[in-house]
Amino acid sequence: MTGSAEPLSLLERWQSAWPQALAVWSQFTRLSDPNLCQSSVTAAKEGLTSSFAMIRLSDQSVVVDLEGIERLKLEDCSRGSGPRNRPPCISSGQRQ
């Protein structure tokens, strides 16, 4: 064995980033673990059609379209967002 670990999948990276992202939104936000859909078809069945992610207000569910994330090249933007904690790929509203 060479000692190099296999890179995490997009699904695994976004799952591991969820606690930090939730903390950025608010300690009082009552959202369950996100539904990380691996295809846009699955995301559409969850009601996500015009974006790559949503919070469904009827049940406070988060739905993320991982295929859409890849299509938009946002794979590395799973960690925190907002004015004080922008993802590393966002700078002044533009992708680096």
Protein backbone atom coordinates (compact mmCIF):
# COMPACT_ATOMS: atom_id res chain seq x y z
CA MET A 1 0.00 0.00 0.00
CA THR A 2 1.35 3.43 -0.93
CA GLY A 3 -0.21 5.26 1.99
CA SER A 4 -2.24 7.63 -0.18
CA ALA A 5 -5.93 7.54 0.60
CA GLU A 6 -8.49 7.39 -2.17
CA PRO A 7 -10.10 10.82 -2.65
CA LEU A 8 -13.56 11.30 -1.20
CA SER A 9 -16.49 11.24 -3.58
CA LEU A 10 -18.55 14.38 -4.12
CA LEU A 11 -21.31 12.85 -2.00
CA GLU A 12 -18.89 12.10 0.85
CA ARG A 13 -17.38 15.61 0.73
CA TRP A 14 -20.78 17.29 0.85
CA GLN A 15 -21.98 14.98 3.65
CA SER A 16 -18.92 15.80 5.75
CA ALA A 17 -19.37 19.55 5.14
CA TRP A 18 -23.00 19.60 6.35
CA PRO A 19 -22.35 20.27 10.08
CA GLN A 20 -20.16 23.29 9.29
CA ALA A 21 -22.62 24.66 6.74
CA LEU A 22 -25.48 24.29 9.21
CA ALA A 23 -23.47 26.10 11.88
CA VAL A 24 -22.90 29.02 9.50
CA TRP A 25 -26.62 29.45 8.90
CA SER A 26 -27.61 29.48 12.57
CA GLN A 27 -27.39 27.44 15.71
CA PHE A 28 -31.17 27.77 15.89
CA THR A 29 -31.92 26.44 12.39
CA ARG A 30 -33.85 23.19 12.60
CA LEU A 31 -32.83 21.45 9.41
CA SER A 32 -32.30 17.73 9.10
CA ASP A 33 -29.47 16.15 7.17
CA PRO A 34 -29.66 17.14 3.50
CA ASN A 35 -31.05 14.95 0.76
CA LEU A 36 -27.99 14.81 -1.51
CA CYS A 37 -29.43 13.67 -4.83
CA GLN A 38 -26.86 12.10 -7.12
CA SER A 39 -28.88 12.94 -10.24
CA SER A 40 -30.92 15.90 -11.45
CA VAL A 41 -33.81 13.51 -12.14
CA THR A 42 -33.90 12.46 -8.49
CA ALA A 43 -33.63 16.09 -7.38
CA ALA A 44 -36.55 17.02 -9.64
CA LYS A 45 -38.65 14.27 -8.03
CA GLU A 46 -37.95 16.04 -4.72
CA GLY A 47 -39.25 19.32 -6.22
CA LEU A 48 -35.89 20.90 -7.08
CA THR A 49 -36.11 22.20 -10.64
CA SER A 50 -34.63 25.68 -11.02
CA SER A 51 -31.50 25.57 -8.88
CA PHE A 52 -28.87 23.19 -7.55
CA ALA A 53 -30.14 23.37 -3.95
CA MET A 54 -33.16 24.40 -1.93
CA ILE A 55 -34.69 24.44 1.51
CA ARG A 56 -38.20 23.08 1.17
CA LEU A 57 -40.21 25.23 3.56
CA SER A 58 -43.06 22.77 4.01
CA ASP A 59 -40.81 20.40 5.98
CA GLN A 60 -37.51 22.30 6.37
CA SER A 61 -35.74 19.75 4.17
CA VAL A 62 -32.59 20.59 2.28
CA VAL A 63 -32.33 19.11 -1.21
CA VAL A 64 -29.07 19.30 -3.19
CA ASP A 65 -28.59 18.26 -6.82
CA LEU A 66 -25.03 16.87 -6.92
CA GLU A 67 -25.20 16.41 -10.70
CA GLY A 68 -26.09 20.10 -10.97
CA ILE A 69 -23.19 20.93 -8.62
CA GLU A 70 -20.80 19.14 -10.99
CA ARG A 71 -22.37 20.76 -14.07
CA LEU A 72 -21.84 24.22 -12.53
CA LYS A 73 -18.33 23.26 -11.30
CA LEU A 74 -19.21 24.01 -7.68
CA GLU A 75 -17.80 20.77 -6.25
CA ASP A 76 -15.45 22.59 -3.86
CA CYS A 77 -18.11 24.98 -2.53
CA SER A 78 -19.62 22.66 0.07
CA ARG A 79 -18.20 24.51 3.07
CA GLY A 80 -19.86 27.57 4.64
CA SER A 81 -21.28 30.49 2.77
CA GLY A 82 -22.27 34.02 3.55
CA PRO A 83 -20.50 37.33 3.99
CA ARG A 84 -18.17 36.20 6.77
CA ASN A 85 -17.50 32.65 5.64
CA ARG A 86 -17.44 32.40 1.86
CA PRO A 87 -16.56 29.09 0.26
CA PRO A 88 -12.94 29.02 -0.95
CA CYS A 89 -14.06 29.10 -4.59
CA ILE A 90 -16.04 32.34 -4.25
CA SER A 91 -14.37 35.72 -4.26
CA SER A 92 -16.33 38.93 -4.71
CA GLY A 93 -19.15 37.00 -6.35
CA GLN A 94 -16.90 35.38 -8.95
CA ARG A 95 -15.41 31.93 -9.24
CA GLN A 96 -11.65 31.83 -8.84
